[in-house]
Amino acid sequence: MAEAFQRHDLVHVDPVAWTACLANRSDLRDVPHLKGWAEAGRPVIVRRRAPGEGDDAVPLGLPLPPADGKRRIGLSLPPTALSRAPMVSLADAAAQAPTPWGSTIATLTALGRRHEIVPRPFGSLLWQAVTGLTYLSATSDLDVLWRCRLPVPLSLLDGIAAAAETAPMGIDGEILVPDGAGLHWRELRDAPVDGSVLAKSLDRLALRPVAGLRARRPA
């Protein structure tokens, strides 16, 4: 079922299904890299469903490298054409990162270990790691996913903020809660106790109250 997939899941597409999908998309005929994408074993990512898209197919996407216009390609395919790709951890992708990022990646990986979380990259670092194409530039941010139980500990959010203060790049990313919704880590950290934060899931955007999502600060 399509519901088995959540935002940010990496999946491989059956090459026959990939070729058939592209054959029905004249707008993608001359887009670089796409023709051999599935055959090369490159994954795509599950994205948020756009208005009007049915739930019988899985919404998928991939970005082109900056040198090719950084266009975001949106596709939808039946779940029978997909298989899960291996998870890529932040530590796995570290070798693809610029050298100055090394210390920050090590700090975030250690922070995750203390909280029994394996941080995962997304954005430019992930795509460079899984495709072998050049996505990172001097202005790239480091995008990280943190899959957490509730309530999200303040020590995790404060640890990310502390790493961001000295990092040579911006640190972006989401806290993924058990139902698959993503919350921006800084918004969750800085929101007032009686406030709300934007939650992004496969099918919707919704405001959720901070109460229950984040641990309380000591009085």
C-alpha atoms as a PDB file:
ATOM      1  CA  MET A   1       0.000   0.000   0.000  1.00  0.00           C
ATOM      2  CA  ALA A   2       1.126   3.560  -0.666  1.00  0.00           C
ATOM      3  CA  GLU A   3       0.584   4.366   3.019  1.00  0.00           C
ATOM      4  CA  ALA A   4       3.525   2.087   3.909  1.00  0.00           C
ATOM      5  CA  PHE A   5       5.837   4.835   2.690  1.00  0.00           C
ATOM      6  CA  GLN A   6       6.599   8.074   4.521  1.00  0.00           C
ATOM      7  CA  ARG A   7       8.233  11.346   3.516  1.00  0.00           C
ATOM      8  CA  HIS A   8      12.002  11.091   3.138  1.00  0.00           C
ATOM      9  CA  ASP A   9      11.969   7.328   2.485  1.00  0.00           C
ATOM     10  CA  LEU A  10      14.444   6.372  -0.239  1.00  0.00           C
ATOM     11  CA  VAL A  11      13.169   3.868  -2.797  1.00  0.00           C
ATOM     12  CA  HIS A  12      14.457   2.134  -5.897  1.00  0.00           C
ATOM     13  CA  VAL A  13      12.208   2.050  -8.960  1.00  0.00           C
ATOM     14  CA  ASP A  14      11.885  -0.989 -11.204  1.00  0.00           C
ATOM     15  CA  PRO A  15      13.701   0.027 -14.428  1.00  0.00           C
ATOM     16  CA  VAL A  16      10.819  -1.135 -16.646  1.00  0.00           C
ATOM     17  CA  ALA A  17       8.344   0.965 -14.660  1.00  0.00           C
ATOM     18  CA  TRP A  18      10.762   3.904 -14.769  1.00  0.00           C
ATOM     19  CA  THR A  19      11.048   3.734 -18.557  1.00  0.00           C
ATOM     20  CA  ALA A  20       7.268   3.519 -18.919  1.00  0.00           C
ATOM     21  CA  CYS A  21       6.777   6.494 -16.615  1.00  0.00           C
ATOM     22  CA  LEU A  22       9.208   8.654 -18.590  1.00  0.00           C
ATOM     23  CA  ALA A  23       7.567   7.627 -21.859  1.00  0.00           C
ATOM     24  CA  ASN A  24       4.353   9.234 -20.613  1.00  0.00           C
ATOM     25  CA  ARG A  25       6.071  12.461 -19.567  1.00  0.00           C
ATOM     26  CA  SER A  26       6.975  14.485 -22.649  1.00  0.00           C
ATOM     27  CA  ASP A  27       8.080  17.338 -20.369  1.00  0.00           C
ATOM     28  CA  LEU A  28      10.938  15.147 -19.120  1.00  0.00           C
ATOM     29  CA  ARG A  29      12.132  13.902 -22.511  1.00  0.00           C
ATOM     30  CA  ASP A  30      15.339  15.965 -22.660  1.00  0.00           C
ATOM     31  CA  VAL A  31      16.054  16.267 -18.945  1.00  0.00           C
ATOM     32  CA  PRO A  32      19.616  15.115 -18.200  1.00  0.00           C
ATOM     33  CA  HIS A  33      20.352  12.028 -16.070  1.00  0.00           C
ATOM     34  CA  LEU A  34      16.770  10.729 -16.000  1.00  0.00           C
ATOM     35  CA  LYS A  35      16.923   8.134 -18.777  1.00  0.00           C
ATOM     36  CA  GLY A  36      19.336   5.831 -16.982  1.00  0.00           C
ATOM     37  CA  TRP A  37      18.480   6.818 -13.406  1.00  0.00           C
ATOM     38  CA  ALA A  38      16.815   3.583 -12.305  1.00  0.00           C
ATOM     39  CA  GLU A  39      19.156   1.355 -14.305  1.00  0.00           C
ATOM     40  CA  ALA A  40      22.103   2.960 -12.522  1.00  0.00           C
ATOM     41  CA  GLY A  41      20.593   2.015  -9.156  1.00  0.00           C
ATOM     42  CA  ARG A  42      19.958   5.595  -8.126  1.00  0.00           C
ATOM     43  CA  PRO A  43      17.048   6.031  -5.708  1.00  0.00           C
ATOM     44  CA  VAL A  44      14.256   8.564  -5.583  1.00  0.00           C
ATOM     45  CA  ILE A  45      12.666   9.976  -2.457  1.00  0.00           C
ATOM     46  CA  VAL A  46       9.106   9.962  -1.146  1.00  0.00           C
ATOM     47  CA  ARG A  47       7.775  13.521  -1.116  1.00  0.00           C
ATOM     48  CA  ARG A  48       4.625  15.175   0.188  1.00  0.00           C
ATOM     49  CA  ARG A  49       1.543  14.484  -1.934  1.00  0.00           C
ATOM     50  CA  ALA A  50       0.487  17.474  -4.031  1.00  0.00           C
ATOM     51  CA  PRO A  51      -3.158  18.640  -4.087  1.00  0.00           C
ATOM     52  CA  GLY A  52      -5.157  16.536  -6.498  1.00  0.00           C
ATOM     53  CA  GLU A  53      -2.805  13.546  -6.475  1.00  0.00           C
ATOM     54  CA  GLY A  54      -4.611  10.319  -5.638  1.00  0.00           C
ATOM     55  CA  ASP A  55      -3.517   7.945  -2.910  1.00  0.00           C
ATOM     56  CA  ASP A  56      -3.197   4.938  -5.237  1.00  0.00           C
ATOM     57  CA  ALA A  57       0.368   5.906  -6.169  1.00  0.00           C
ATOM     58  CA  VAL A  58       3.399   6.963  -4.160  1.00  0.00           C
ATOM     59  CA  PRO A  59       4.524  10.595  -4.663  1.00  0.00           C
ATOM     60  CA  LEU A  60       8.224  10.649  -5.520  1.00  0.00           C
ATOM     61  CA  GLY A  61      10.844  13.213  -6.352  1.00  0.00           C
ATOM     62  CA  LEU A  62      14.459  13.886  -7.133  1.00  0.00           C
ATOM     63  CA  PRO A  63      16.418  17.100  -7.633  1.00  0.00           C
ATOM     64  CA  LEU A  64      18.774  17.657 -10.526  1.00  0.00           C
ATOM     65  CA  PRO A  65      22.332  18.716  -9.657  1.00  0.00           C
ATOM     66  CA  PRO A  66      22.921  22.483  -9.520  1.00  0.00           C
ATOM     67  CA  ALA A  67      24.934  22.327 -12.744  1.00  0.00           C
ATOM     68  CA  ASP A  68      21.813  21.031 -14.486  1.00  0.00           C
ATOM     69  CA  GLY A  69      19.485  23.669 -13.111  1.00  0.00           C
ATOM     70  CA  LYS A  70      18.616  22.165  -9.714  1.00  0.00           C
ATOM     71  CA  ARG A  71      15.121  21.404 -11.032  1.00  0.00           C
ATOM     72  CA  ARG A  72      12.935  19.285  -8.757  1.00  0.00           C
ATOM     73  CA  ILE A  73      11.370  16.410 -10.646  1.00  0.00           C
ATOM     74  CA  GLY A  74       8.033  15.114  -9.363  1.00  0.00           C
ATOM     75  CA  LEU A  75       6.719  11.656 -10.229  1.00  0.00           C
ATOM     76  CA  SER A  76       4.098   9.205  -8.954  1.00  0.00           C
ATOM     77  CA  LEU A  77       4.371   5.440  -9.261  1.00  0.00           C
ATOM     78  CA  PRO A  78       2.463   2.458  -7.891  1.00  0.00           C
ATOM     79  CA  PRO A  79       4.002   0.878  -4.785  1.00  0.00           C
ATOM     80  CA  THR A  80       4.423  -2.405  -6.687  1.00  0.00           C
ATOM     81  CA  ALA A  81       7.099  -0.685  -8.814  1.00  0.00           C
ATOM     82  CA  LEU A  82       9.121   0.313  -5.740  1.00  0.00           C
ATOM     83  CA  SER A  83      11.491  -1.311  -3.299  1.00  0.00           C
ATOM     84  CA  ARG A  84      13.016   0.284  -0.253  1.00  0.00           C
ATOM     85  CA  ALA A  85      16.574   1.524  -0.613  1.00  0.00           C
ATOM     86  CA  PRO A  86      19.013   1.128   2.280  1.00  0.00           C
ATOM     87  CA  MET A  87      18.985   3.920   4.841  1.00  0.00           C
ATOM     88  CA  VAL A  88      21.943   6.282   4.580  1.00  0.00           C
ATOM     89  CA  SER A  89      23.218   7.566   7.910  1.00  0.00           C
ATOM     90  CA  LEU A  90      25.005  10.866   8.416  1.00  0.00           C
ATOM     91  CA  ALA A  91      28.142   8.897   9.260  1.00  0.00           C
ATOM     92  CA  ASP A  92      27.782   6.914   6.009  1.00  0.00           C
ATOM     93  CA  ALA A  93      27.649  10.116   3.962  1.00  0.00           C
ATOM     94  CA  ALA A  94      30.478  11.884   5.797  1.00  0.00           C
ATOM     95  CA  ALA A  95      33.070  10.909   3.191  1.00  0.00           C
ATOM     96  CA  GLN A  96      31.142  12.897   0.564  1.00  0.00           C
ATOM     97  CA  ALA A  97      31.033  16.074   2.663  1.00  0.00           C
ATOM     98  CA  PRO A  98      33.437  19.004   2.334  1.00  0.00           C
ATOM     99  CA  THR A  99      36.427  18.617   4.666  1.00  0.00           C
ATOM    100  CA  PRO A 100      35.428  21.602   6.888  1.00  0.00           C
ATOM    101  CA  TRP A 101      32.143  19.833   7.675  1.00  0.00           C
ATOM    102  CA  GLY A 102      33.879  16.875   9.312  1.00  0.00           C
ATOM    103  CA  SER A 103      33.931  18.164  12.870  1.00  0.00           C
ATOM    104  CA  THR A 104      30.267  19.193  12.818  1.00  0.00           C
ATOM    105  CA  ILE A 105      29.196  15.837  11.358  1.00  0.00           C
ATOM    106  CA  ALA A 106      31.162  14.051  14.085  1.00  0.00           C
ATOM    107  CA  THR A 107      29.480  16.221  16.737  1.00  0.00           C
ATOM    108  CA  LEU A 108      25.982  15.517  15.393  1.00  0.00           C
ATOM    109  CA  THR A 109      26.692  11.801  15.053  1.00  0.00           C
ATOM    110  CA  ALA A 110      27.863  11.680  18.676  1.00  0.00           C
ATOM    111  CA  LEU A 111      24.784  13.650  19.749  1.00  0.00           C
ATOM    112  CA  GLY A 112      22.597  11.081  18.050  1.00  0.00           C
ATOM    113  CA  ARG A 113      24.448   8.232  19.718  1.00  0.00           C
ATOM    114  CA  ARG A 114      23.817   9.755  23.165  1.00  0.00           C
ATOM    115  CA  HIS A 115      20.086   9.827  22.358  1.00  0.00           C
ATOM    116  CA  GLU A 116      20.054   6.416  20.629  1.00  0.00           C
ATOM    117  CA  ILE A 117      19.182   8.065  17.309  1.00  0.00           C
ATOM    118  CA  VAL A 118      20.930   7.563  13.977  1.00  0.00           C
ATOM    119  CA  PRO A 119      20.886  10.969  12.249  1.00  0.00           C
ATOM    120  CA  ARG A 120      20.271  10.800   8.511  1.00  0.00           C
ATOM    121  CA  PRO A 121      21.218  13.326   5.837  1.00  0.00           C
ATOM    122  CA  PHE A 122      18.865  14.660   3.223  1.00  0.00           C
ATOM    123  CA  GLY A 123      19.305  17.464   0.727  1.00  0.00           C
ATOM    124  CA  SER A 124      22.549  17.960  -1.173  1.00  0.00           C
ATOM    125  CA  LEU A 125      24.750  15.691   0.940  1.00  0.00           C
ATOM    126  CA  LEU A 126      22.345  12.770   0.595  1.00  0.00           C
ATOM    127  CA  TRP A 127      21.971  13.134  -3.155  1.00  0.00           C
ATOM    128  CA  GLN A 128      25.708  13.385  -3.704  1.00  0.00           C
ATOM    129  CA  ALA A 129      26.217  10.253  -1.575  1.00  0.00           C
ATOM    130  CA  VAL A 130      23.600   8.107  -3.338  1.00  0.00           C
ATOM    131  CA  THR A 131      24.110   9.235  -6.937  1.00  0.00           C
ATOM    132  CA  GLY A 132      27.798  10.076  -7.323  1.00  0.00           C
ATOM    133  CA  LEU A 133      26.757  13.345  -8.991  1.00  0.00           C
ATOM    134  CA  THR A 134      27.840  16.769  -7.736  1.00  0.00           C
ATOM    135  CA  TYR A 135      25.190  18.411  -5.574  1.00  0.00           C
ATOM    136  CA  LEU A 136      27.237  20.161  -2.889  1.00  0.00           C
ATOM    137  CA  SER A 137      28.495  23.697  -3.319  1.00  0.00           C
ATOM    138  CA  ALA A 138      30.144  26.337  -1.155  1.00  0.00           C
ATOM    139  CA  THR A 139      26.704  27.613  -0.112  1.00  0.00           C
ATOM    140  CA  SER A 140      25.105  24.243   0.716  1.00  0.00           C
ATOM    141  CA  ASP A 141      23.475  23.631   4.080  1.00  0.00           C
ATOM    142  CA  LEU A 142      23.673  20.389   6.010  1.00  0.00           C
ATOM    143  CA  ASP A 143      20.169  18.886   6.194  1.00  0.00           C
ATOM    144  CA  VAL A 144      19.630  16.242   8.885  1.00  0.00           C
ATOM    145  CA  LEU A 145      16.712  14.023   9.920  1.00  0.00           C
ATOM    146  CA  TRP A 146      16.237  12.851  13.502  1.00  0.00           C
ATOM    147  CA  ARG A 147      13.684  10.072  14.109  1.00  0.00           C
ATOM    148  CA  CYS A 148      12.487  10.531  17.696  1.00  0.00           C
ATOM    149  CA  ARG A 149      10.093   9.169  20.260  1.00  0.00           C
ATOM    150  CA  LEU A 150       7.845  11.666  22.003  1.00  0.00           C
ATOM    151  CA  PRO A 151       8.336  13.938  23.774  1.00  0.00           C
ATOM    152  CA  VAL A 152      11.449  15.117  21.931  1.00  0.00           C
ATOM    153  CA  PRO A 153      14.182  15.752  24.517  1.00  0.00           C
ATOM    154  CA  LEU A 154      15.361  19.331  24.914  1.00  0.00           C
ATOM    155  CA  SER A 155      18.922  18.054  25.238  1.00  0.00           C
ATOM    156  CA  LEU A 156      18.727  16.884  21.615  1.00  0.00           C
ATOM    157  CA  LEU A 157      17.324  20.180  20.333  1.00  0.00           C
ATOM    158  CA  ASP A 158      19.797  22.206  22.379  1.00  0.00           C
ATOM    159  CA  GLY A 159      22.630  19.999  21.136  1.00  0.00           C
ATOM    160  CA  ILE A 160      21.725  20.655  17.505  1.00  0.00           C
ATOM    161  CA  ALA A 161      21.531  24.389  18.246  1.00  0.00           C
ATOM    162  CA  ALA A 162      24.948  24.330  19.923  1.00  0.00           C
ATOM    163  CA  ALA A 163      26.479  22.562  16.918  1.00  0.00           C
ATOM    164  CA  ALA A 164      24.858  25.094  14.586  1.00  0.00           C
ATOM    165  CA  GLU A 165      26.459  28.010  16.421  1.00  0.00           C
ATOM    166  CA  THR A 166      29.989  26.962  15.440  1.00  0.00           C
ATOM    167  CA  ALA A 167      29.301  25.063  12.209  1.00  0.00           C
ATOM    168  CA  PRO A 168      30.892  26.291   8.951  1.00  0.00           C
ATOM    169  CA  MET A 169      27.537  25.773   7.195  1.00  0.00           C
ATOM    170  CA  GLY A 170      23.861  26.171   8.022  1.00  0.00           C
ATOM    171  CA  ILE A 171      22.237  23.224   9.777  1.00  0.00           C
ATOM    172  CA  ASP A 172      18.695  22.567   8.640  1.00  0.00           C
ATOM    173  CA  GLY A 173      16.476  19.555   9.065  1.00  0.00           C
ATOM    174  CA  GLU A 174      13.524  17.900  10.715  1.00  0.00           C
ATOM    175  CA  ILE A 175      12.558  15.901  13.753  1.00  0.00           C
ATOM    176  CA  LEU A 176      10.537  12.904  12.534  1.00  0.00           C
ATOM    177  CA  VAL A 177       7.932  11.836  15.085  1.00  0.00           C
ATOM    178  CA  PRO A 178       6.472   8.303  15.279  1.00  0.00           C
ATOM    179  CA  ASP A 179       3.560   8.945  12.891  1.00  0.00           C
ATOM    180  CA  GLY A 180       6.001  10.135  10.208  1.00  0.00           C
ATOM    181  CA  ALA A 181       5.352  13.873  10.482  1.00  0.00           C
ATOM    182  CA  GLY A 182       8.357  16.180  10.252  1.00  0.00           C
ATOM    183  CA  LEU A 183       8.912  19.203  12.504  1.00  0.00           C
ATOM    184  CA  HIS A 184      11.644  21.750  11.892  1.00  0.00           C
ATOM    185  CA  TRP A 185      14.103  21.267  14.737  1.00  0.00           C
ATOM    186  CA  ARG A 186      14.622  24.961  15.448  1.00  0.00           C
ATOM    187  CA  GLU A 187      10.912  25.797  15.333  1.00  0.00           C
ATOM    188  CA  LEU A 188      10.224  22.995  17.794  1.00  0.00           C
ATOM    189  CA  ARG A 189      13.037  24.156  20.077  1.00  0.00           C
ATOM    190  CA  ASP A 190      12.090  27.843  20.090  1.00  0.00           C
ATOM    191  CA  ALA A 191       8.281  27.659  20.107  1.00  0.00           C
ATOM    192  CA  PRO A 192       6.583  28.735  23.355  1.00  0.00           C
ATOM    193  CA  VAL A 193       5.145  26.010  25.566  1.00  0.00           C
ATOM    194  CA  ASP A 194       1.599  27.026  24.623  1.00  0.00           C
ATOM    195  CA  GLY A 195       2.482  27.511  20.948  1.00  0.00           C
ATOM    196  CA  SER A 196       2.301  25.293  17.891  1.00  0.00           C
ATOM    197  CA  VAL A 197       4.628  24.103  15.137  1.00  0.00           C
ATOM    198  CA  LEU A 198       4.084  23.152  11.501  1.00  0.00           C
ATOM    199  CA  ALA A 199       4.026  19.399  10.928  1.00  0.00           C
ATOM    200  CA  LYS A 200       4.661  18.019   7.424  1.00  0.00           C
ATOM    201  CA  SER A 201       3.395  14.544   6.572  1.00  0.00           C
ATOM    202  CA  LEU A 202       2.819  12.583   3.388  1.00  0.00           C
ATOM    203  CA  ASP A 203      -0.675  13.958   2.862  1.00  0.00           C
ATOM    204  CA  ARG A 204      -0.969  17.217   4.739  1.00  0.00           C
ATOM    205  CA  LEU A 205       0.461  20.243   6.463  1.00  0.00           C
ATOM    206  CA  ALA A 206      -0.962  20.932   9.905  1.00  0.00           C
ATOM    207  CA  LEU A 207      -0.195  22.962  13.007  1.00  0.00           C
ATOM    208  CA  ARG A 208       0.360  20.862  16.104  1.00  0.00           C
ATOM    209  CA  PRO A 209       0.532  22.072  19.697  1.00  0.00           C
ATOM    210  CA  VAL A 210       3.995  21.964  21.238  1.00  0.00           C
ATOM    211  CA  ALA A 211       2.551  20.316  24.350  1.00  0.00           C
ATOM    212  CA  GLY A 212       3.231  16.614  23.998  1.00  0.00           C
ATOM    213  CA  LEU A 213       5.784  17.074  21.225  1.00  0.00           C
ATOM    214  CA  ARG A 214       8.623  18.580  23.231  1.00  0.00           C
ATOM    215  CA  ALA A 215       9.825  17.963  26.754  1.00  0.00           C
ATOM    216  CA  ARG A 216       9.312  20.869  29.140  1.00  0.00           C
ATOM    217  CA  ARG A 217      12.193  23.023  30.273  1.00  0.00           C
ATOM    218  CA  PRO A 218      12.883  22.894  33.985  1.00  0.00           C
ATOM    219  CA  ALA A 219      11.282  25.787  35.865  1.00  0.00           C
END
